[in-house]
Amino acid sequence: MASVDINLATAEELDAVEGLRGHGHEIVRYREERGRFTDTRQLDEVPGLAGVLSADQRAALTVGDIGAE
């Protein structure tokens, strides 16, 4: 499975990831309001996601180059 960059993915792309289904819009809104993610653990700060993702699910996610725009 290819990695999904949580800083670049659309809400629809995020919804396609196991463990994130139904949370894509919240993730994008959080990113737009607070800036880019620097670590996948920050997803726990998104409403409804605290403690939801397993280590395997997090392994399928990346934060890409946080210096890129």
N, C-alpha and C. Protein backbone atom coordinates (compact mmCIF):
# COMPACT_ATOMS: atom_id res chain seq x y z
N MET A 1 0.84 -1.18 0.00
CA MET A 1 0.00 0.00 0.00
C MET A 1 0.88 1.25 0.00
N ALA A 2 0.55 2.21 -0.82
CA ALA A 2 1.31 3.45 -0.92
C ALA A 2 1.02 4.34 0.29
N SER A 3 2.00 5.12 0.68
CA SER A 3 1.83 6.05 1.80
C SER A 3 0.95 7.21 1.39
N VAL A 4 0.21 7.73 2.34
CA VAL A 4 -0.64 8.90 2.12
C VAL A 4 -0.05 10.03 2.94
N ASP A 5 0.26 11.12 2.29
CA ASP A 5 0.81 12.29 2.96
C ASP A 5 -0.35 13.10 3.55
N ILE A 6 -0.42 13.15 4.87
CA ILE A 6 -1.55 13.83 5.50
C ILE A 6 -1.50 15.35 5.35
N ASN A 7 -0.38 15.87 4.85
CA ASN A 7 -0.28 17.30 4.58
C ASN A 7 -0.74 17.67 3.18
N LEU A 8 -0.82 16.70 2.30
CA LEU A 8 -1.17 16.97 0.91
C LEU A 8 -2.47 16.31 0.46
N ALA A 9 -2.90 15.27 1.15
CA ALA A 9 -4.06 14.50 0.72
C ALA A 9 -5.35 15.31 0.84
N THR A 10 -6.27 15.03 -0.08
CA THR A 10 -7.60 15.64 -0.01
C THR A 10 -8.43 14.89 1.03
N ALA A 11 -9.56 15.45 1.38
CA ALA A 11 -10.45 14.79 2.33
C ALA A 11 -10.87 13.42 1.80
N GLU A 12 -11.11 13.32 0.51
CA GLU A 12 -11.52 12.06 -0.09
C GLU A 12 -10.40 11.02 -0.03
N GLU A 13 -9.17 11.46 -0.26
CA GLU A 13 -8.03 10.54 -0.17
C GLU A 13 -7.83 10.06 1.26
N LEU A 14 -8.01 10.95 2.21
CA LEU A 14 -7.88 10.57 3.62
C LEU A 14 -8.98 9.60 4.04
N ASP A 15 -10.18 9.83 3.54
CA ASP A 15 -11.30 8.94 3.86
C ASP A 15 -11.07 7.52 3.34
N ALA A 16 -10.22 7.37 2.34
CA ALA A 16 -9.95 6.05 1.76
C ALA A 16 -8.97 5.24 2.60
N VAL A 17 -8.36 5.86 3.61
CA VAL A 17 -7.38 5.18 4.46
C VAL A 17 -8.10 4.51 5.62
N GLU A 18 -7.80 3.23 5.83
CA GLU A 18 -8.40 2.51 6.95
C GLU A 18 -8.06 3.23 8.25
N GLY A 19 -9.06 3.45 9.07
CA GLY A 19 -8.87 4.15 10.33
C GLY A 19 -9.20 5.63 10.24
N LEU A 20 -9.18 6.18 9.02
CA LEU A 20 -9.49 7.60 8.85
C LEU A 20 -10.85 7.82 8.19
N ARG A 21 -11.49 6.75 7.77
CA ARG A 21 -12.78 6.87 7.07
C ARG A 21 -13.75 7.75 7.85
N GLY A 22 -14.30 8.72 7.13
CA GLY A 22 -15.26 9.62 7.74
C GLY A 22 -14.63 10.81 8.46
N HIS A 23 -13.31 10.86 8.50
CA HIS A 23 -12.62 11.95 9.21
C HIS A 23 -11.83 12.86 8.27
N GLY A 24 -11.88 12.61 6.98
CA GLY A 24 -11.09 13.39 6.03
C GLY A 24 -11.32 14.88 6.12
N HIS A 25 -12.58 15.29 6.20
CA HIS A 25 -12.87 16.72 6.24
C HIS A 25 -12.37 17.35 7.54
N GLU A 26 -12.46 16.62 8.66
CA GLU A 26 -11.95 17.15 9.92
C GLU A 26 -10.44 17.30 9.88
N ILE A 27 -9.76 16.34 9.25
CA ILE A 27 -8.30 16.40 9.15
C ILE A 27 -7.87 17.61 8.31
N VAL A 28 -8.53 17.80 7.18
CA VAL A 28 -8.21 18.93 6.30
C VAL A 28 -8.50 20.25 7.02
N ARG A 29 -9.62 20.33 7.70
CA ARG A 29 -9.98 21.55 8.43
C ARG A 29 -8.93 21.85 9.51
N TYR A 30 -8.53 20.82 10.25
CA TYR A 30 -7.51 20.98 11.29
C TYR A 30 -6.21 21.51 10.66
N ARG A 31 -5.81 20.91 9.54
CA ARG A 31 -4.57 21.30 8.85
C ARG A 31 -4.66 22.75 8.37
N GLU A 32 -5.82 23.15 7.85
CA GLU A 32 -5.98 24.53 7.36
C GLU A 32 -5.96 25.54 8.50
N GLU A 33 -6.52 25.16 9.65
CA GLU A 33 -6.59 26.07 10.78
C GLU A 33 -5.29 26.17 11.57
N ARG A 34 -4.55 25.06 11.68
CA ARG A 34 -3.37 25.01 12.55
C ARG A 34 -2.05 24.84 11.82
N GLY A 35 -2.11 24.62 10.52
CA GLY A 35 -0.88 24.43 9.76
C GLY A 35 -0.57 22.97 9.54
N ARG A 36 0.52 22.75 8.84
CA ARG A 36 0.91 21.40 8.45
C ARG A 36 1.23 20.52 9.66
N PHE A 37 0.97 19.23 9.49
CA PHE A 37 1.34 18.25 10.50
C PHE A 37 2.84 18.04 10.45
N THR A 38 3.45 17.84 11.61
CA THR A 38 4.89 17.53 11.66
C THR A 38 5.11 16.07 12.06
N ASP A 39 4.06 15.40 12.53
CA ASP A 39 4.14 14.02 12.97
C ASP A 39 2.74 13.40 12.88
N THR A 40 2.67 12.14 12.52
CA THR A 40 1.35 11.49 12.42
C THR A 40 0.65 11.41 13.77
N ARG A 41 1.39 11.49 14.86
CA ARG A 41 0.77 11.46 16.20
C ARG A 41 -0.13 12.67 16.43
N GLN A 42 0.07 13.73 15.67
CA GLN A 42 -0.78 14.91 15.80
C GLN A 42 -2.22 14.62 15.37
N LEU A 43 -2.44 13.53 14.65
CA LEU A 43 -3.80 13.17 14.28
C LEU A 43 -4.66 12.93 15.52
N ASP A 44 -4.03 12.57 16.63
CA ASP A 44 -4.78 12.38 17.88
C ASP A 44 -5.43 13.67 18.36
N GLU A 45 -4.97 14.82 17.86
CA GLU A 45 -5.54 16.11 18.23
C GLU A 45 -6.77 16.46 17.40
N VAL A 46 -6.99 15.73 16.32
CA VAL A 46 -8.15 15.96 15.46
C VAL A 46 -9.37 15.36 16.16
N PRO A 47 -10.46 16.13 16.31
CA PRO A 47 -11.64 15.61 16.98
C PRO A 47 -12.09 14.25 16.41
N GLY A 48 -12.27 13.29 17.32
CA GLY A 48 -12.73 11.97 16.93
C GLY A 48 -11.63 10.97 16.62
N LEU A 49 -10.37 11.39 16.59
CA LEU A 49 -9.29 10.48 16.22
C LEU A 49 -8.37 10.09 17.36
N ALA A 50 -8.53 10.64 18.54
CA ALA A 50 -7.64 10.32 19.65
C ALA A 50 -7.65 8.83 19.95
N GLY A 51 -6.49 8.19 19.81
CA GLY A 51 -6.34 6.78 20.13
C GLY A 51 -6.97 5.81 19.16
N VAL A 52 -7.42 6.28 18.01
CA VAL A 52 -8.13 5.43 17.05
C VAL A 52 -7.17 4.65 16.15
N LEU A 53 -6.06 5.25 15.74
CA LEU A 53 -5.17 4.64 14.76
C LEU A 53 -4.19 3.66 15.39
N SER A 54 -4.04 2.51 14.77
CA SER A 54 -3.04 1.53 15.22
C SER A 54 -1.68 1.92 14.65
N ALA A 55 -0.64 1.28 15.14
CA ALA A 55 0.71 1.53 14.63
C ALA A 55 0.80 1.17 13.15
N ASP A 56 0.14 0.09 12.74
CA ASP A 56 0.16 -0.30 11.33
C ASP A 56 -0.53 0.75 10.47
N GLN A 57 -1.63 1.30 10.95
CA GLN A 57 -2.33 2.33 10.18
C GLN A 57 -1.48 3.59 10.08
N ARG A 58 -0.83 3.97 11.15
CA ARG A 58 0.06 5.14 11.12
C ARG A 58 1.23 4.94 10.15
N ALA A 59 1.69 3.69 10.05
CA ALA A 59 2.81 3.39 9.16
C ALA A 59 2.47 3.66 7.69
N ALA A 60 1.19 3.69 7.37
CA ALA A 60 0.76 3.95 5.99
C ALA A 60 0.64 5.45 5.72
N LEU A 61 0.94 6.27 6.72
CA LEU A 61 0.81 7.72 6.59
C LEU A 61 2.16 8.39 6.68
N THR A 62 2.30 9.51 6.00
CA THR A 62 3.53 10.30 6.08
C THR A 62 3.15 11.77 6.29
N VAL A 63 4.13 12.57 6.66
CA VAL A 63 3.94 14.01 6.76
C VAL A 63 4.73 14.73 5.68
N GLY A 64 5.36 13.98 4.79
CA GLY A 64 6.08 14.57 3.67
C GLY A 64 7.14 15.54 4.12
N ASP A 65 7.46 16.45 3.26
CA ASP A 65 8.46 17.47 3.53
C ASP A 65 7.77 18.65 4.17
N ILE A 66 7.90 18.80 5.49
CA ILE A 66 7.16 19.85 6.19
C ILE A 66 7.63 21.24 5.81
N GLY A 67 8.74 21.36 5.12
CA GLY A 67 9.21 22.65 4.67
C GLY A 67 8.64 23.06 3.32
N ALA A 68 7.98 22.14 2.65
CA ALA A 68 7.42 22.42 1.32
C ALA A 68 6.12 23.18 1.44
N GLU A 69 5.81 23.93 0.44
CA GLU A 69 4.54 24.66 0.40
C GLU A 69 3.68 24.14 -0.69
